[in-house]
C-alpha atoms as a PDB file:
ATOM      1  CA  MET A   1      16.348  84.694 -65.633  1.00  0.00           C
ATOM      2  CA  LYS A   2      19.945  85.448 -65.621  1.00  0.00           C
ATOM      3  CA  LYS A   3      20.509  86.042 -69.018  1.00  0.00           C
ATOM      4  CA  PHE A   4      17.725  88.864 -68.731  1.00  0.00           C
ATOM      5  CA  ASP A   5      19.562  90.646 -65.828  1.00  0.00           C
ATOM      6  CA  LEU A   6      22.940  90.544 -67.699  1.00  0.00           C
ATOM      7  CA  GLU A   7      20.997  92.091 -70.915  1.00  0.00           C
ATOM      8  CA  LEU A   8      19.510  94.717 -68.590  1.00  0.00           C
ATOM      9  CA  ALA A   9      22.745  95.796 -67.009  1.00  0.00           C
ATOM     10  CA  VAL A  10      24.586  96.023 -70.415  1.00  0.00           C
ATOM     11  CA  GLY A  11      21.965  98.146 -71.853  1.00  0.00           C
ATOM     12  CA  ILE A  12      21.845 100.337 -68.812  1.00  0.00           C
ATOM     13  CA  PHE A  13      25.766 100.685 -69.007  1.00  0.00           C
ATOM     14  CA  LEU A  14      25.349 101.375 -73.051  1.00  0.00           C
ATOM     15  CA  LEU A  15      22.761 104.163 -72.129  1.00  0.00           C
ATOM     16  CA  VAL A  16      24.947 105.690 -69.537  1.00  0.00           C
ATOM     17  CA  GLY A  17      27.883 105.792 -72.007  1.00  0.00           C
ATOM     18  CA  ILE A  18      26.064 107.294 -74.790  1.00  0.00           C
ATOM     19  CA  MET A  19      24.531 110.031 -72.369  1.00  0.00           C
ATOM     20  CA  SER A  20      28.069 110.755 -71.072  1.00  0.00           C
ATOM     21  CA  LEU A  21      29.403 110.966 -74.583  1.00  0.00           C
ATOM     22  CA  ALA A  22      26.772 113.488 -75.407  1.00  0.00           C
ATOM     23  CA  TYR A  23      27.469 115.429 -72.493  1.00  0.00           C
ATOM     24  CA  ILE A  24      31.272 115.481 -73.089  1.00  0.00           C
ATOM     25  CA  SER A  25      30.680 116.782 -76.606  1.00  0.00           C
ATOM     26  CA  ILE A  26      28.365 119.536 -75.616  1.00  0.00           C
ATOM     27  CA  LYS A  27      30.848 120.930 -73.118  1.00  0.00           C
ATOM     28  CA  LEU A  28      34.002 120.400 -75.272  1.00  0.00           C
ATOM     29  CA  GLY A  29      32.142 121.804 -78.366  1.00  0.00           C
ATOM     30  CA  ARG A  30      30.850 124.825 -76.329  1.00  0.00           C
ATOM     31  CA  LEU A  31      27.122 124.463 -77.667  1.00  0.00           C
ATOM     32  CA  GLU A  32      24.226 125.784 -76.067  1.00  0.00           C
ATOM     33  CA  VAL A  33      21.366 123.230 -75.990  1.00  0.00           C
ATOM     34  CA  MET A  34      18.963 124.960 -73.740  1.00  0.00           C
ATOM     35  CA  GLY A  35      19.427 128.512 -75.260  1.00  0.00           C
ATOM     36  CA  ASN A  36      20.909 131.713 -74.207  1.00  0.00           C
ATOM     37  CA  SER A  37      21.339 132.589 -70.556  1.00  0.00           C
ATOM     38  CA  GLY A  38      21.944 136.254 -70.810  1.00  0.00           C
ATOM     39  CA  TYR A  39      21.058 139.704 -72.304  1.00  0.00           C
ATOM     40  CA  THR A  40      21.703 141.053 -75.801  1.00  0.00           C
ATOM     41  CA  VAL A  41      23.968 144.009 -76.492  1.00  0.00           C
ATOM     42  CA  TYR A  42      24.754 145.440 -80.090  1.00  0.00           C
ATOM     43  CA  ALA A  43      27.742 147.508 -81.050  1.00  0.00           C
ATOM     44  CA  GLU A  44      28.690 149.031 -84.668  1.00  0.00           C
ATOM     45  CA  PHE A  45      32.394 148.652 -86.072  1.00  0.00           C
ATOM     46  CA  VAL A  46      33.784 150.382 -89.216  1.00  0.00           C
ATOM     47  CA  LYS A  47      35.630 147.077 -89.804  1.00  0.00           C
ATOM     48  CA  SER A  48      34.991 143.693 -88.171  1.00  0.00           C
ATOM     49  CA  GLY A  49      38.464 142.506 -88.770  1.00  0.00           C
ATOM     50  CA  GLY A  50      37.635 138.793 -89.233  1.00  0.00           C
ATOM     51  CA  VAL A  51      35.603 138.427 -85.913  1.00  0.00           C
ATOM     52  CA  LYS A  52      33.320 135.379 -86.313  1.00  0.00           C
ATOM     53  CA  ASN A  53      30.009 134.251 -84.801  1.00  0.00           C
ATOM     54  CA  GLY A  54      30.484 132.246 -81.490  1.00  0.00           C
ATOM     55  CA  ALA A  55      33.766 134.429 -80.903  1.00  0.00           C
ATOM     56  CA  VAL A  56      34.540 135.130 -77.054  1.00  0.00           C
ATOM     57  CA  VAL A  57      33.458 138.688 -75.408  1.00  0.00           C
ATOM     58  CA  GLU A  58      35.902 139.410 -72.673  1.00  0.00           C
ATOM     59  CA  ILE A  59      36.458 141.923 -69.790  1.00  0.00           C
ATOM     60  CA  ALA A  60      40.005 141.908 -68.235  1.00  0.00           C
ATOM     61  CA  GLY A  61      40.716 138.467 -69.900  1.00  0.00           C
ATOM     62  CA  VAL A  62      37.643 136.848 -68.400  1.00  0.00           C
ATOM     63  CA  GLN A  63      34.869 135.487 -70.779  1.00  0.00           C
ATOM     64  CA  ILE A  64      31.440 137.331 -70.326  1.00  0.00           C
ATOM     65  CA  GLY A  65      29.809 136.260 -73.301  1.00  0.00           C
ATOM     66  CA  LYS A  66      29.589 135.309 -77.059  1.00  0.00           C
ATOM     67  CA  ILE A  67      29.127 136.917 -80.451  1.00  0.00           C
ATOM     68  CA  LYS A  68      25.743 135.737 -81.779  1.00  0.00           C
ATOM     69  CA  SER A  69      25.702 137.400 -85.106  1.00  0.00           C
ATOM     70  CA  ILE A  70      27.620 139.744 -87.256  1.00  0.00           C
ATOM     71  CA  LYS A  71      25.533 141.595 -90.135  1.00  0.00           C
ATOM     72  CA  LEU A  72      25.971 144.571 -92.293  1.00  0.00           C
ATOM     73  CA  ASN A  73      23.703 147.548 -91.241  1.00  0.00           C
ATOM     74  CA  GLY A  74      22.295 150.248 -93.437  1.00  0.00           C
ATOM     75  CA  GLU A  75      25.343 152.638 -93.127  1.00  0.00           C
ATOM     76  CA  TYR A  76      27.810 149.926 -94.292  1.00  0.00           C
ATOM     77  CA  MET A  77      29.045 148.946 -90.724  1.00  0.00           C
ATOM     78  CA  ALA A  78      29.350 145.688 -89.007  1.00  0.00           C
ATOM     79  CA  ARG A  79      26.636 145.465 -86.609  1.00  0.00           C
ATOM     80  CA  VAL A  80      27.558 142.680 -83.783  1.00  0.00           C
ATOM     81  CA  GLU A  81      24.945 141.050 -81.651  1.00  0.00           C
ATOM     82  CA  MET A  82      26.546 139.864 -78.516  1.00  0.00           C
ATOM     83  CA  VAL A  83      25.078 137.786 -75.743  1.00  0.00           C
ATOM     84  CA  ILE A  84      26.293 138.854 -72.171  1.00  0.00           C
ATOM     85  CA  ASN A  85      25.839 136.844 -69.130  1.00  0.00           C
ATOM     86  CA  GLU A  86      23.127 137.963 -66.709  1.00  0.00           C
ATOM     87  CA  ASP A  87      25.341 138.500 -63.905  1.00  0.00           C
ATOM     88  CA  ILE A  88      27.508 141.134 -65.796  1.00  0.00           C
ATOM     89  CA  LYS A  89      26.121 144.571 -66.025  1.00  0.00           C
ATOM     90  CA  LEU A  90      27.735 146.939 -68.594  1.00  0.00           C
ATOM     91  CA  GLN A  91      27.923 150.636 -68.314  1.00  0.00           C
ATOM     92  CA  ASP A  92      26.489 152.838 -70.699  1.00  0.00           C
ATOM     93  CA  ASP A  93      29.950 154.557 -71.857  1.00  0.00           C
ATOM     94  CA  ALA A  94      31.893 151.094 -71.985  1.00  0.00           C
ATOM     95  CA  ILE A  95      34.133 150.660 -75.054  1.00  0.00           C
ATOM     96  CA  ALA A  96      34.103 147.558 -77.260  1.00  0.00           C
ATOM     97  CA  SER A  97      37.389 146.476 -79.223  1.00  0.00           C
ATOM     98  CA  ILE A  98      38.316 143.891 -81.597  1.00  0.00           C
ATOM     99  CA  LYS A  99      41.448 142.419 -80.358  1.00  0.00           C
ATOM    100  CA  THR A 100      43.536 139.295 -81.537  1.00  0.00           C
ATOM    101  CA  LYS A 101      44.971 136.703 -79.229  1.00  0.00           C
ATOM    102  CA  GLY A 102      48.403 136.280 -80.015  1.00  0.00           C
ATOM    103  CA  LEU A 103      50.486 137.481 -82.933  1.00  0.00           C
ATOM    104  CA  ILE A 104      48.325 135.457 -85.393  1.00  0.00           C
ATOM    105  CA  GLY A 105      45.352 134.222 -83.208  1.00  0.00           C
ATOM    106  CA  GLU A 106      41.693 134.128 -83.124  1.00  0.00           C
ATOM    107  CA  LYS A 107      39.625 137.454 -82.886  1.00  0.00           C
ATOM    108  CA  TYR A 108      37.659 138.359 -79.882  1.00  0.00           C
ATOM    109  CA  ILE A 109      35.684 141.367 -78.610  1.00  0.00           C
ATOM    110  CA  GLU A 110      37.360 143.015 -75.423  1.00  0.00           C
ATOM    111  CA  ILE A 111      35.218 145.481 -73.535  1.00  0.00           C
ATOM    112  CA  THR A 112      36.622 148.258 -71.368  1.00  0.00           C
ATOM    113  CA  PRO A 113      34.157 149.133 -68.617  1.00  0.00           C
ATOM    114  CA  GLY A 114      33.201 152.804 -68.300  1.00  0.00           C
ATOM    115  CA  GLY A 115      32.558 154.867 -65.419  1.00  0.00           C
ATOM    116  CA  SER A 116      28.691 155.781 -66.118  1.00  0.00           C
ATOM    117  CA  ASP A 117      25.991 154.876 -63.435  1.00  0.00           C
ATOM    118  CA  LYS A 118      23.620 153.930 -66.372  1.00  0.00           C
ATOM    119  CA  GLY A 119      23.665 150.121 -67.478  1.00  0.00           C
ATOM    120  CA  VAL A 120      23.052 148.916 -70.879  1.00  0.00           C
ATOM    121  CA  SER A 121      19.712 147.196 -71.057  1.00  0.00           C
ATOM    122  CA  ASP A 122      18.634 144.112 -72.877  1.00  0.00           C
ATOM    123  CA  GLY A 123      18.698 145.074 -76.647  1.00  0.00           C
ATOM    124  CA  GLY A 124      20.944 148.162 -75.837  1.00  0.00           C
ATOM    125  CA  LYS A 125      23.850 149.513 -77.932  1.00  0.00           C
ATOM    126  CA  LEU A 126      27.615 150.271 -77.181  1.00  0.00           C
ATOM    127  CA  ARG A 127      28.238 153.638 -78.503  1.00  0.00           C
ATOM    128  CA  GLU A 128      32.012 153.653 -78.214  1.00  0.00           C
ATOM    129  CA  THR A 129      33.826 151.273 -80.357  1.00  0.00           C
ATOM    130  CA  GLU A 130      37.320 150.395 -81.572  1.00  0.00           C
ATOM    131  CA  SER A 131      37.776 148.516 -84.990  1.00  0.00           C
ATOM    132  CA  ALA A 132      40.378 145.872 -85.450  1.00  0.00           C
ATOM    133  CA  ILE A 133      43.799 147.048 -86.481  1.00  0.00           C
ATOM    134  CA  ASP A 134      44.605 146.223 -90.154  1.00  0.00           C
ATOM    135  CA  ILE A 135      48.235 145.342 -90.301  1.00  0.00           C
ATOM    136  CA  GLU A 136      48.508 145.406 -94.081  1.00  0.00           C
ATOM    137  CA  GLU A 137      47.173 148.811 -94.150  1.00  0.00           C
ATOM    138  CA  LEU A 138      50.072 150.049 -91.469  1.00  0.00           C
ATOM    139  CA  ILE A 139      52.634 148.401 -93.426  1.00  0.00           C
ATOM    140  CA  SER A 140      51.574 149.932 -96.765  1.00  0.00           C
ATOM    141  CA  LYS A 141      51.514 153.376 -94.794  1.00  0.00           C
ATOM    142  CA  TYR A 142      54.870 152.839 -93.490  1.00  0.00           C
ATOM    143  CA  ALA A 143      56.345 151.587 -96.837  1.00  0.00           C
ATOM    144  CA  PHE A 144      55.070 154.585 -98.609  1.00  0.00           C
ATOM    145  CA  GLY A 145      56.099 157.163 -96.048  1.00  0.00           C
ATOM    146  CA  LYS A 146      52.530 158.187 -95.011  1.00  0.00           C
ATOM    147  CA  VAL A 147      53.032 157.453 -91.266  1.00  0.00           C
END
């Protein structure tokens, strides 16, 4: 009987350990197992500037969502689909900008809140956007005197 109790205790310990490891992996990997908890907003940019799926969407340095997908629309512009947290309400005239963290860091989208009373609904679109700054283009303009 004691051998059975020991095996049961070891089995429970292993099960708890595996579940803890899975939980930590999901949290550190920022995976979403249960689905999205937010609403979808779209923005169209002339240049996406290397922003990737899963990148952060921020307001004032605080993460408010993630980029779900980036596709090319019919007008040859980058259509970015963002999932915004439900507790954040974006105004109709908010501005979406592609920014870089640090000098050579990762790309993210920063949203500057607007002053409108109207909000963006689920599936809505942010009209005002600022594409990423292309450093190579700026350097070539400066080098050839077109600035």
